[in-house]
Amino acid sequence: MSPLRSAISLLLVLTVLTGGVYPFITTVLGQWWFPWQAMGSRVEIQGQVRGSALIGQEFTQAGYFHGRPSATAEFPYNPMASGGSNLSVGNPLLTQELTRRAQSLRHNNPQATGPIPVALLTASGSGLDGQLPPEAALWQIPRIAAARHIPKSVLTTLVEQATHYPVPGFIGEPVVNVLSLNQALDSYRQSN
């Protein structure tokens, strides 16, 4: 067999295996073992899909917890344009953007004390992060308490209940899913 024929045969075999068989097997196994995740981790409320537990959403109303800023193109949390701003730490545009975000956060959260959590100032690498560190959610409680007339202690309890801890504990930090937390907030409002 000539080297050219061997190379073409190998190319065809690898194309079928890596371009057809492997994706088919991983798709079938993924849908079998992890059906909710394989279907997009969709969050449904009253039979309507309201988002994904894995992709952030832009919450702007004062009565909701806000997530991390998004740097995706065209509009915030655009899953088709995942990516960060790619601005370096020394770039003046990043400094301007962080200053603008800090001023906006202070303006919209006048009752909040202490330094602004970094997660509320900086976008994630994907621009789609739907989770916050618990301290970033807790920092927003005074604004939400004032907007919804809910005691701060109730909001603190909701954040604590929505906090997910990594297993095992040394792999990562605790996080709060913003969409789930806002759903719990709406559920509390409807039940009281």
N, C-alpha and C. Protein backbone atom coordinates (compact mmCIF):
# COMPACT_ATOMS: atom_id res chain seq x y z
N MET A 1 0.84 -1.17 0.00
CA MET A 1 0.00 0.00 0.00
C MET A 1 0.90 1.24 0.00
N SER A 2 0.57 2.22 -0.84
CA SER A 2 1.40 3.42 -0.95
C SER A 2 1.17 4.32 0.27
N PRO A 3 2.15 5.15 0.59
CA PRO A 3 2.02 6.07 1.73
C PRO A 3 0.82 7.03 1.57
N LEU A 4 0.56 7.46 0.33
CA LEU A 4 -0.56 8.37 0.11
C LEU A 4 -1.89 7.68 0.40
N ARG A 5 -2.00 6.45 -0.06
CA ARG A 5 -3.23 5.69 0.17
C ARG A 5 -3.42 5.41 1.66
N SER A 6 -2.34 5.11 2.36
CA SER A 6 -2.41 4.89 3.82
C SER A 6 -2.85 6.16 4.54
N ALA A 7 -2.32 7.28 4.11
CA ALA A 7 -2.66 8.56 4.74
C ALA A 7 -4.13 8.89 4.51
N ILE A 8 -4.63 8.69 3.31
CA ILE A 8 -6.03 8.98 3.01
C ILE A 8 -6.95 8.03 3.78
N SER A 9 -6.57 6.74 3.85
CA SER A 9 -7.37 5.77 4.60
C SER A 9 -7.43 6.16 6.08
N LEU A 10 -6.29 6.54 6.65
CA LEU A 10 -6.24 6.95 8.05
C LEU A 10 -7.08 8.21 8.27
N LEU A 11 -7.00 9.16 7.35
CA LEU A 11 -7.81 10.38 7.44
C LEU A 11 -9.30 10.04 7.46
N LEU A 12 -9.74 9.16 6.56
CA LEU A 12 -11.15 8.78 6.51
C LEU A 12 -11.59 8.07 7.79
N VAL A 13 -10.78 7.16 8.29
CA VAL A 13 -11.13 6.43 9.51
C VAL A 13 -11.22 7.39 10.69
N LEU A 14 -10.23 8.26 10.86
CA LEU A 14 -10.25 9.22 11.97
C LEU A 14 -11.38 10.23 11.83
N THR A 15 -11.71 10.62 10.61
CA THR A 15 -12.83 11.54 10.40
C THR A 15 -14.14 10.90 10.85
N VAL A 16 -14.36 9.66 10.49
CA VAL A 16 -15.58 8.96 10.90
C VAL A 16 -15.61 8.79 12.42
N LEU A 17 -14.47 8.38 13.01
CA LEU A 17 -14.43 8.17 14.45
C LEU A 17 -14.59 9.46 15.25
N THR A 18 -13.79 10.47 14.92
CA THR A 18 -13.82 11.71 15.72
C THR A 18 -14.90 12.68 15.29
N GLY A 19 -15.38 12.57 14.07
CA GLY A 19 -16.41 13.49 13.60
C GLY A 19 -17.81 12.91 13.65
N GLY A 20 -17.94 11.62 13.83
CA GLY A 20 -19.26 11.00 13.83
C GLY A 20 -19.51 10.10 15.03
N VAL A 21 -18.68 9.07 15.17
CA VAL A 21 -18.92 8.08 16.23
C VAL A 21 -18.75 8.69 17.62
N TYR A 22 -17.65 9.37 17.86
CA TYR A 22 -17.40 9.95 19.19
C TYR A 22 -18.46 10.98 19.58
N PRO A 23 -18.79 11.96 18.73
CA PRO A 23 -19.85 12.91 19.12
C PRO A 23 -21.21 12.22 19.36
N PHE A 24 -21.51 11.20 18.56
CA PHE A 24 -22.77 10.48 18.75
C PHE A 24 -22.81 9.79 20.11
N ILE A 25 -21.75 9.10 20.45
CA ILE A 25 -21.69 8.38 21.73
C ILE A 25 -21.75 9.35 22.91
N THR A 26 -20.99 10.43 22.84
CA THR A 26 -21.00 11.39 23.97
C THR A 26 -22.35 12.08 24.09
N THR A 27 -23.02 12.35 22.99
CA THR A 27 -24.35 12.97 23.05
C THR A 27 -25.36 12.01 23.67
N VAL A 28 -25.36 10.77 23.24
CA VAL A 28 -26.29 9.78 23.78
C VAL A 28 -26.03 9.54 25.26
N LEU A 29 -24.77 9.35 25.64
CA LEU A 29 -24.46 9.12 27.05
C LEU A 29 -24.76 10.35 27.90
N GLY A 30 -24.47 11.53 27.37
CA GLY A 30 -24.76 12.76 28.10
C GLY A 30 -26.25 12.92 28.36
N GLN A 31 -27.07 12.63 27.35
CA GLN A 31 -28.51 12.75 27.53
C GLN A 31 -29.07 11.65 28.43
N TRP A 32 -28.39 10.54 28.50
CA TRP A 32 -28.85 9.45 29.35
C TRP A 32 -28.45 9.70 30.80
N TRP A 33 -27.17 10.06 31.03
CA TRP A 33 -26.68 10.24 32.39
C TRP A 33 -27.03 11.61 32.98
N PHE A 34 -27.04 12.64 32.16
CA PHE A 34 -27.28 14.01 32.63
C PHE A 34 -28.34 14.69 31.76
N PRO A 35 -29.57 14.22 31.77
CA PRO A 35 -30.58 14.77 30.85
C PRO A 35 -30.85 16.25 31.05
N TRP A 36 -30.93 16.70 32.31
CA TRP A 36 -31.25 18.12 32.57
C TRP A 36 -30.14 19.02 32.03
N GLN A 37 -28.88 18.66 32.29
CA GLN A 37 -27.76 19.46 31.81
C GLN A 37 -27.63 19.39 30.29
N ALA A 38 -27.85 18.21 29.72
CA ALA A 38 -27.72 18.04 28.27
C ALA A 38 -28.77 18.85 27.51
N MET A 39 -29.89 19.12 28.16
CA MET A 39 -30.94 19.90 27.51
C MET A 39 -30.84 21.39 27.84
N GLY A 40 -29.71 21.82 28.39
CA GLY A 40 -29.47 23.24 28.60
C GLY A 40 -29.71 23.74 30.00
N SER A 41 -29.98 22.85 30.96
CA SER A 41 -30.24 23.26 32.35
C SER A 41 -31.31 24.33 32.40
N ARG A 42 -32.36 24.12 31.66
CA ARG A 42 -33.43 25.12 31.53
C ARG A 42 -34.22 25.25 32.83
N VAL A 43 -34.50 26.48 33.19
CA VAL A 43 -35.31 26.78 34.37
C VAL A 43 -36.69 27.18 33.88
N GLU A 44 -37.70 26.45 34.32
CA GLU A 44 -39.07 26.72 33.90
C GLU A 44 -39.88 27.26 35.06
N ILE A 45 -40.70 28.26 34.77
CA ILE A 45 -41.61 28.82 35.75
C ILE A 45 -42.99 28.81 35.12
N GLN A 46 -43.91 28.10 35.74
CA GLN A 46 -45.27 27.95 35.25
C GLN A 46 -45.28 27.48 33.79
N GLY A 47 -44.44 26.50 33.48
CA GLY A 47 -44.41 25.90 32.16
C GLY A 47 -43.67 26.68 31.09
N GLN A 48 -43.12 27.84 31.44
CA GLN A 48 -42.37 28.63 30.46
C GLN A 48 -40.90 28.64 30.83
N VAL A 49 -40.04 28.48 29.83
CA VAL A 49 -38.60 28.53 30.06
C VAL A 49 -38.21 29.98 30.32
N ARG A 50 -37.59 30.22 31.47
CA ARG A 50 -37.21 31.58 31.87
C ARG A 50 -35.71 31.80 31.84
N GLY A 51 -34.95 30.76 31.59
CA GLY A 51 -33.50 30.91 31.53
C GLY A 51 -32.81 29.58 31.73
N SER A 52 -31.53 29.66 31.92
CA SER A 52 -30.70 28.49 32.18
C SER A 52 -30.00 28.70 33.52
N ALA A 53 -29.86 27.63 34.26
CA ALA A 53 -29.16 27.71 35.54
C ALA A 53 -27.67 27.96 35.34
N LEU A 54 -27.19 27.78 34.11
CA LEU A 54 -25.76 27.91 33.84
C LEU A 54 -25.37 29.23 33.19
N ILE A 55 -26.34 29.97 32.65
CA ILE A 55 -26.04 31.21 31.95
C ILE A 55 -26.69 32.37 32.68
N GLY A 56 -25.91 33.40 32.94
CA GLY A 56 -26.42 34.56 33.66
C GLY A 56 -27.47 35.30 32.87
N GLN A 57 -28.22 36.11 33.60
CA GLN A 57 -29.23 36.97 32.98
C GLN A 57 -29.05 38.37 33.55
N GLU A 58 -29.50 39.34 32.80
CA GLU A 58 -29.37 40.71 33.25
C GLU A 58 -30.58 41.10 34.08
N PHE A 59 -30.38 41.24 35.38
CA PHE A 59 -31.40 41.75 36.28
C PHE A 59 -31.03 43.19 36.60
N THR A 60 -31.94 44.11 36.33
CA THR A 60 -31.63 45.52 36.54
C THR A 60 -32.56 46.20 37.54
N GLN A 61 -33.68 45.58 37.86
CA GLN A 61 -34.61 46.20 38.79
C GLN A 61 -34.04 46.19 40.21
N ALA A 62 -34.39 47.21 40.98
CA ALA A 62 -33.84 47.37 42.33
C ALA A 62 -34.23 46.22 43.25
N GLY A 63 -35.35 45.57 43.00
CA GLY A 63 -35.83 44.51 43.87
C GLY A 63 -35.27 43.14 43.57
N TYR A 64 -34.25 43.05 42.74
CA TYR A 64 -33.64 41.77 42.40
C TYR A 64 -32.13 41.81 42.66
N PHE A 65 -31.59 40.63 42.92
CA PHE A 65 -30.13 40.51 43.01
C PHE A 65 -29.57 40.64 41.60
N HIS A 66 -28.51 41.37 41.44
CA HIS A 66 -27.85 41.56 40.16
C HIS A 66 -26.64 40.65 40.09
N GLY A 67 -26.36 40.12 38.91
CA GLY A 67 -25.22 39.24 38.71
C GLY A 67 -23.97 40.00 38.32
N ARG A 68 -22.98 39.25 37.92
CA ARG A 68 -21.74 39.85 37.44
C ARG A 68 -21.99 40.60 36.15
N PRO A 69 -21.19 41.63 35.88
CA PRO A 69 -21.31 42.30 34.58
C PRO A 69 -20.95 41.32 33.45
N SER A 70 -21.50 41.56 32.30
CA SER A 70 -21.21 40.72 31.15
C SER A 70 -20.49 41.56 30.09
N ALA A 71 -19.49 40.97 29.48
CA ALA A 71 -18.73 41.68 28.44
C ALA A 71 -18.99 41.09 27.06
N THR A 72 -20.10 40.35 26.91
CA THR A 72 -20.38 39.74 25.61
C THR A 72 -20.81 40.79 24.60
N ALA A 73 -20.60 40.48 23.34
CA ALA A 73 -20.92 41.42 22.25
C ALA A 73 -22.42 41.52 22.04
N GLU A 74 -22.84 42.62 21.50
CA GLU A 74 -24.21 42.94 21.10
C GLU A 74 -25.14 43.21 22.28
N PHE A 75 -25.23 42.28 23.23
CA PHE A 75 -26.05 42.50 24.42
C PHE A 75 -25.50 41.63 25.55
N PRO A 76 -25.79 42.01 26.81
CA PRO A 76 -25.25 41.26 27.95
C PRO A 76 -25.74 39.81 27.97
N TYR A 77 -24.85 38.93 28.36
CA TYR A 77 -25.12 37.50 28.51
C TYR A 77 -25.54 36.83 27.21
N ASN A 78 -24.99 37.30 26.10
CA ASN A 78 -25.28 36.72 24.79
C ASN A 78 -24.54 35.39 24.68
N PRO A 79 -25.26 34.25 24.72
CA PRO A 79 -24.56 32.97 24.69
C PRO A 79 -23.88 32.67 23.36
N MET A 80 -24.24 33.40 22.31
CA MET A 80 -23.62 33.18 21.01
C MET A 80 -22.32 33.97 20.87
N ALA A 81 -22.03 34.83 21.84
CA ALA A 81 -20.82 35.66 21.76
C ALA A 81 -20.04 35.58 23.07
N SER A 82 -19.92 34.39 23.60
CA SER A 82 -19.24 34.21 24.87
C SER A 82 -17.80 34.72 24.80
N GLY A 83 -17.44 35.49 25.80
CA GLY A 83 -16.07 35.99 25.87
C GLY A 83 -15.96 37.19 26.77
N GLY A 84 -14.77 37.43 27.25
CA GLY A 84 -14.52 38.58 28.10
C GLY A 84 -14.13 39.79 27.28
N SER A 85 -13.78 40.86 27.97
CA SER A 85 -13.42 42.09 27.28
C SER A 85 -11.99 42.03 26.74
N ASN A 86 -11.17 41.16 27.32
CA ASN A 86 -9.76 41.01 26.94
C ASN A 86 -8.94 42.27 27.16
N LEU A 87 -9.40 43.16 28.04
CA LEU A 87 -8.62 44.35 28.38
C LEU A 87 -7.63 44.00 29.48
N SER A 88 -6.40 44.41 29.31
CA SER A 88 -5.38 44.11 30.31
C SER A 88 -5.57 44.99 31.53
N VAL A 89 -4.93 44.61 32.62
CA VAL A 89 -5.03 45.36 33.87
C VAL A 89 -4.51 46.78 33.70
N GLY A 90 -3.54 46.97 32.85
CA GLY A 90 -2.97 48.30 32.64
C GLY A 90 -3.70 49.15 31.60
N ASN A 91 -4.72 48.62 30.99
CA ASN A 91 -5.44 49.34 29.94
C ASN A 91 -6.33 50.42 30.56
N PRO A 92 -6.20 51.67 30.12
CA PRO A 92 -7.03 52.74 30.68
C PRO A 92 -8.53 52.53 30.45
N LEU A 93 -8.90 51.83 29.38
CA LEU A 93 -10.31 51.55 29.14
C LEU A 93 -10.90 50.67 30.24
N LEU A 94 -10.11 49.70 30.72
CA LEU A 94 -10.58 48.85 31.82
C LEU A 94 -10.74 49.68 33.09
N THR A 95 -9.79 50.56 33.36
CA THR A 95 -9.88 51.42 34.54
C THR A 95 -11.13 52.29 34.46
N GLN A 96 -11.40 52.86 33.29
CA GLN A 96 -12.60 53.68 33.11
C GLN A 96 -13.87 52.85 33.33
N GLU A 97 -13.89 51.64 32.78
CA GLU A 97 -15.07 50.79 32.92
C GLU A 97 -15.29 50.40 34.38
N LEU A 98 -14.23 50.04 35.08
CA LEU A 98 -14.36 49.68 36.49
C LEU A 98 -14.82 50.87 37.33
N THR A 99 -14.32 52.06 37.01
CA THR A 99 -14.74 53.28 37.71
C THR A 99 -16.22 53.56 37.46
N ARG A 100 -16.64 53.40 36.21
CA ARG A 100 -18.05 53.61 35.87
C ARG A 100 -18.94 52.61 36.60
N ARG A 101 -18.53 51.34 36.62
CA ARG A 101 -19.32 50.32 37.31
C ARG A 101 -19.39 50.60 38.81
N ALA A 102 -18.27 51.01 39.39
CA ALA A 102 -18.25 51.31 40.83
C ALA A 102 -19.17 52.48 41.16
N GLN A 103 -19.15 53.51 40.34
CA GLN A 103 -20.03 54.66 40.56
C GLN A 103 -21.49 54.25 40.42
N SER A 104 -21.81 53.43 39.45
CA SER A 104 -23.17 52.96 39.25
C SER A 104 -23.63 52.10 40.43
N LEU A 105 -22.75 51.21 40.89
CA LEU A 105 -23.10 50.36 42.03
C LEU A 105 -23.33 51.20 43.29
N ARG A 106 -22.48 52.18 43.54
CA ARG A 106 -22.66 53.05 44.71
C ARG A 106 -23.94 53.86 44.59
N HIS A 107 -24.25 54.33 43.39
CA HIS A 107 -25.47 55.11 43.17
C HIS A 107 -26.71 54.25 43.38
N ASN A 108 -26.70 53.02 42.86
CA ASN A 108 -27.86 52.14 42.96
C ASN A 108 -27.97 51.41 44.29
N ASN A 109 -26.90 51.41 45.08
CA ASN A 109 -26.87 50.74 46.37
C ASN A 109 -26.38 51.71 47.45
N PRO A 110 -27.06 52.83 47.66
CA PRO A 110 -26.55 53.84 48.59
C PRO A 110 -26.45 53.36 50.04
N GLN A 111 -27.27 52.37 50.41
CA GLN A 111 -27.24 51.89 51.79
C GLN A 111 -26.15 50.84 52.02
N ALA A 112 -25.55 50.32 50.96
CA ALA A 112 -24.53 49.27 51.11
C ALA A 112 -23.28 49.85 51.74
N THR A 113 -22.69 49.08 52.63
CA THR A 113 -21.47 49.51 53.30
C THR A 113 -20.32 48.59 52.91
N GLY A 114 -19.14 49.06 53.16
CA GLY A 114 -17.95 48.27 52.87
C GLY A 114 -17.55 48.35 51.42
N PRO A 115 -16.43 47.74 51.10
CA PRO A 115 -15.97 47.77 49.71
C PRO A 115 -16.89 46.95 48.79
N ILE A 116 -16.94 47.37 47.55
CA ILE A 116 -17.75 46.65 46.56
C ILE A 116 -17.03 45.34 46.23
N PRO A 117 -17.74 44.22 46.31
CA PRO A 117 -17.11 42.94 45.96
C PRO A 117 -16.62 42.94 44.51
N VAL A 118 -15.45 42.39 44.29
CA VAL A 118 -14.83 42.37 42.97
C VAL A 118 -15.73 41.73 41.92
N ALA A 119 -16.49 40.71 42.31
CA ALA A 119 -17.35 40.01 41.35
C ALA A 119 -18.44 40.91 40.78
N LEU A 120 -18.80 41.98 41.48
CA LEU A 120 -19.79 42.91 40.95
C LEU A 120 -19.18 43.96 40.03
N LEU A 121 -17.86 44.04 40.03
CA LEU A 121 -17.16 45.02 39.19
C LEU A 121 -16.61 44.41 37.91
N THR A 122 -16.20 43.16 37.97
CA THR A 122 -15.50 42.54 36.84
C THR A 122 -16.36 41.46 36.17
N ALA A 123 -16.25 41.40 34.86
CA ALA A 123 -16.95 40.35 34.11
C ALA A 123 -16.13 39.07 34.19
N SER A 124 -16.81 37.95 34.06
CA SER A 124 -16.11 36.67 34.04
C SER A 124 -15.44 36.47 32.68
N GLY A 125 -14.60 35.47 32.58
CA GLY A 125 -13.90 35.20 31.33
C GLY A 125 -14.85 34.86 30.19
N SER A 126 -15.98 34.23 30.50
CA SER A 126 -16.94 33.88 29.46
C SER A 126 -17.96 34.98 29.23
N GLY A 127 -18.15 35.85 30.22
CA GLY A 127 -19.19 36.87 30.14
C GLY A 127 -20.57 36.32 30.39
N LEU A 128 -20.67 35.04 30.77
CA LEU A 128 -21.96 34.38 30.93
C LEU A 128 -22.20 33.87 32.35
N ASP A 129 -21.30 34.17 33.27
CA ASP A 129 -21.35 33.61 34.61
C ASP A 129 -22.65 33.96 35.31
N GLY A 130 -23.39 32.95 35.74
CA GLY A 130 -24.66 33.15 36.43
C GLY A 130 -24.55 33.02 37.93
N GLN A 131 -23.33 32.88 38.45
CA GLN A 131 -23.12 32.73 39.87
C GLN A 131 -22.36 33.91 40.44
N LEU A 132 -22.57 34.12 41.74
CA LEU A 132 -21.86 35.16 42.50
C LEU A 132 -21.29 34.54 43.76
N PRO A 133 -20.21 35.08 44.28
CA PRO A 133 -19.81 34.68 45.62
C PRO A 133 -20.87 35.18 46.61
N PRO A 134 -21.10 34.48 47.71
CA PRO A 134 -22.14 34.91 48.66
C PRO A 134 -21.96 36.35 49.14
N GLU A 135 -20.71 36.80 49.33
CA GLU A 135 -20.50 38.17 49.83
C GLU A 135 -20.99 39.21 48.82
N ALA A 136 -20.97 38.90 47.52
CA ALA A 136 -21.48 39.83 46.51
C ALA A 136 -23.00 39.91 46.57
N ALA A 137 -23.66 38.80 46.88
CA ALA A 137 -25.11 38.81 47.05
C ALA A 137 -25.47 39.54 48.35
N LEU A 138 -24.76 39.25 49.42
CA LEU A 138 -25.04 39.89 50.70
C LEU A 138 -24.86 41.41 50.64
N TRP A 139 -23.92 41.89 49.85
CA TRP A 139 -23.66 43.33 49.72
C TRP A 139 -24.88 44.05 49.14
N GLN A 140 -25.70 43.36 48.36
CA GLN A 140 -26.86 43.97 47.70
C GLN A 140 -28.12 43.99 48.57
N ILE A 141 -28.09 43.32 49.70
CA ILE A 141 -29.29 43.17 50.53
C ILE A 141 -29.94 44.50 50.92
N PRO A 142 -29.20 45.54 51.34
CA PRO A 142 -29.89 46.78 51.72
C PRO A 142 -30.78 47.36 50.60
N ARG A 143 -30.31 47.31 49.36
CA ARG A 143 -31.10 47.82 48.24
C ARG A 143 -32.38 47.01 48.05
N ILE A 144 -32.27 45.70 48.10
CA ILE A 144 -33.42 44.83 47.88
C ILE A 144 -34.41 44.95 49.03
N ALA A 145 -33.90 45.04 50.25
CA ALA A 145 -34.77 45.19 51.42
C ALA A 145 -35.59 46.48 51.31
N ALA A 146 -34.96 47.55 50.86
CA ALA A 146 -35.67 48.83 50.71
C ALA A 146 -36.68 48.76 49.57
N ALA A 147 -36.32 48.12 48.47
CA ALA A 147 -37.22 48.06 47.30
C ALA A 147 -38.42 47.15 47.54
N ARG A 148 -38.22 46.06 48.25
CA ARG A 148 -39.30 45.08 48.43
C ARG A 148 -39.95 45.13 49.82
N HIS A 149 -39.38 45.93 50.70
CA HIS A 149 -39.89 46.01 52.08
C HIS A 149 -39.87 44.65 52.75
N ILE A 150 -38.73 43.97 52.60
CA ILE A 150 -38.50 42.66 53.22
C ILE A 150 -37.39 42.85 54.23
N PRO A 151 -37.51 42.26 55.43
CA PRO A 151 -36.44 42.38 56.42
C PRO A 151 -35.10 41.83 55.89
N LYS A 152 -34.02 42.51 56.26
CA LYS A 152 -32.69 42.07 55.83
C LYS A 152 -32.39 40.66 56.30
N SER A 153 -32.89 40.29 57.47
CA SER A 153 -32.63 38.95 58.00
C SER A 153 -33.23 37.87 57.09
N VAL A 154 -34.39 38.15 56.51
CA VAL A 154 -35.02 37.20 55.59
C VAL A 154 -34.17 37.06 54.32
N LEU A 155 -33.70 38.18 53.81
CA LEU A 155 -32.86 38.14 52.60
C LEU A 155 -31.54 37.42 52.87
N THR A 156 -30.97 37.64 54.03
CA THR A 156 -29.74 36.94 54.40
C THR A 156 -29.98 35.44 54.45
N THR A 157 -31.11 35.03 55.00
CA THR A 157 -31.45 33.60 55.05
C THR A 157 -31.62 33.04 53.64
N LEU A 158 -32.27 33.79 52.74
CA LEU A 158 -32.43 33.33 51.36
C LEU A 158 -31.07 33.14 50.68
N VAL A 159 -30.14 34.06 50.92
CA VAL A 159 -28.79 33.93 50.33
C VAL A 159 -28.10 32.70 50.90
N GLU A 160 -28.20 32.51 52.21
CA GLU A 160 -27.56 31.34 52.84
C GLU A 160 -28.14 30.04 52.29
N GLN A 161 -29.46 30.00 52.10
CA GLN A 161 -30.09 28.79 51.58
C GLN A 161 -29.73 28.54 50.12
N ALA A 162 -29.45 29.59 49.38
CA ALA A 162 -29.12 29.45 47.95
C ALA A 162 -27.63 29.23 47.70
N THR A 163 -26.83 29.29 48.75
CA THR A 163 -25.37 29.12 48.60
C THR A 163 -25.04 27.65 48.40
N HIS A 164 -24.27 27.37 47.35
CA HIS A 164 -23.82 26.01 47.04
C HIS A 164 -22.33 25.91 47.38
N TYR A 165 -21.99 24.86 48.11
CA TYR A 165 -20.61 24.64 48.51
C TYR A 165 -20.02 23.51 47.68
N PRO A 166 -18.78 23.66 47.23
CA PRO A 166 -18.18 22.60 46.41
C PRO A 166 -17.93 21.35 47.24
N VAL A 167 -18.02 20.21 46.56
CA VAL A 167 -17.71 18.92 47.20
C VAL A 167 -16.61 18.29 46.39
N PRO A 168 -15.48 17.99 46.94
CA PRO A 168 -15.01 18.31 48.29
C PRO A 168 -14.73 19.81 48.43
N GLY A 169 -14.69 20.26 49.66
CA GLY A 169 -14.63 21.67 49.97
C GLY A 169 -13.41 22.43 49.49
N PHE A 170 -12.33 21.73 49.20
CA PHE A 170 -11.11 22.43 48.77
C PHE A 170 -11.07 22.70 47.27
N ILE A 171 -12.11 22.29 46.54
CA ILE A 171 -12.14 22.51 45.10
C ILE A 171 -13.11 23.64 44.80
N GLY A 172 -12.63 24.86 44.87
CA GLY A 172 -13.48 25.99 44.53
C GLY A 172 -14.05 26.71 45.73
N GLU A 173 -14.81 27.73 45.43
CA GLU A 173 -15.41 28.60 46.44
C GLU A 173 -16.92 28.43 46.43
N PRO A 174 -17.59 28.77 47.53
CA PRO A 174 -19.05 28.74 47.53
C PRO A 174 -19.61 29.77 46.55
N VAL A 175 -20.73 29.45 45.93
CA VAL A 175 -21.37 30.35 44.97
C VAL A 175 -22.87 30.36 45.18
N VAL A 176 -23.48 31.43 44.69
CA VAL A 176 -24.93 31.58 44.71
C VAL A 176 -25.38 31.76 43.27
N ASN A 177 -26.33 30.95 42.83
CA ASN A 177 -26.88 31.10 41.49
C ASN A 177 -27.89 32.25 41.54
N VAL A 178 -27.66 33.30 40.79
CA VAL A 178 -28.46 34.52 40.85
C VAL A 178 -29.89 34.26 40.39
N LEU A 179 -30.09 33.49 39.33
CA LEU A 179 -31.44 33.20 38.85
C LEU A 179 -32.23 32.43 39.91
N SER A 180 -31.64 31.42 40.51
CA SER A 180 -32.32 30.64 41.55
C SER A 180 -32.63 31.51 42.76
N LEU A 181 -31.69 32.37 43.12
CA LEU A 181 -31.91 33.26 44.27
C LEU A 181 -33.07 34.21 43.99
N ASN A 182 -33.13 34.77 42.79
CA ASN A 182 -34.24 35.66 42.45
C ASN A 182 -35.57 34.92 42.37
N GLN A 183 -35.54 33.66 41.97
CA GLN A 183 -36.75 32.85 41.99
C GLN A 183 -37.22 32.65 43.43
N ALA A 184 -36.29 32.36 44.32
CA ALA A 184 -36.64 32.20 45.74
C ALA A 184 -37.19 33.50 46.30
N LEU A 185 -36.64 34.61 45.86
CA LEU A 185 -37.12 35.92 46.29
C LEU A 185 -38.56 36.16 45.82
N ASP A 186 -38.85 35.82 44.58
CA ASP A 186 -40.22 35.95 44.07
C ASP A 186 -41.18 35.00 44.79
N SER A 187 -40.72 33.78 45.07
CA SER A 187 -41.56 32.81 45.78
C SER A 187 -41.88 33.31 47.19
N TYR A 188 -40.89 33.89 47.85
CA TYR A 188 -41.13 34.44 49.19
C TYR A 188 -42.16 35.56 49.13
N ARG A 189 -42.03 36.41 48.13
CA ARG A 189 -42.96 37.53 47.98
C ARG A 189 -44.39 37.05 47.76
N GLN A 190 -44.55 36.00 46.95
CA GLN A 190 -45.88 35.49 46.65
C GLN A 190 -46.50 34.79 47.85
N SER A 191 -45.67 34.18 48.70
CA SER A 191 -46.20 33.43 49.85
C SER A 191 -46.48 34.33 51.05
N ASN A 192 -46.04 35.59 51.00
CA ASN A 192 -46.26 36.50 52.14
C ASN A 192 -47.06 37.72 51.74
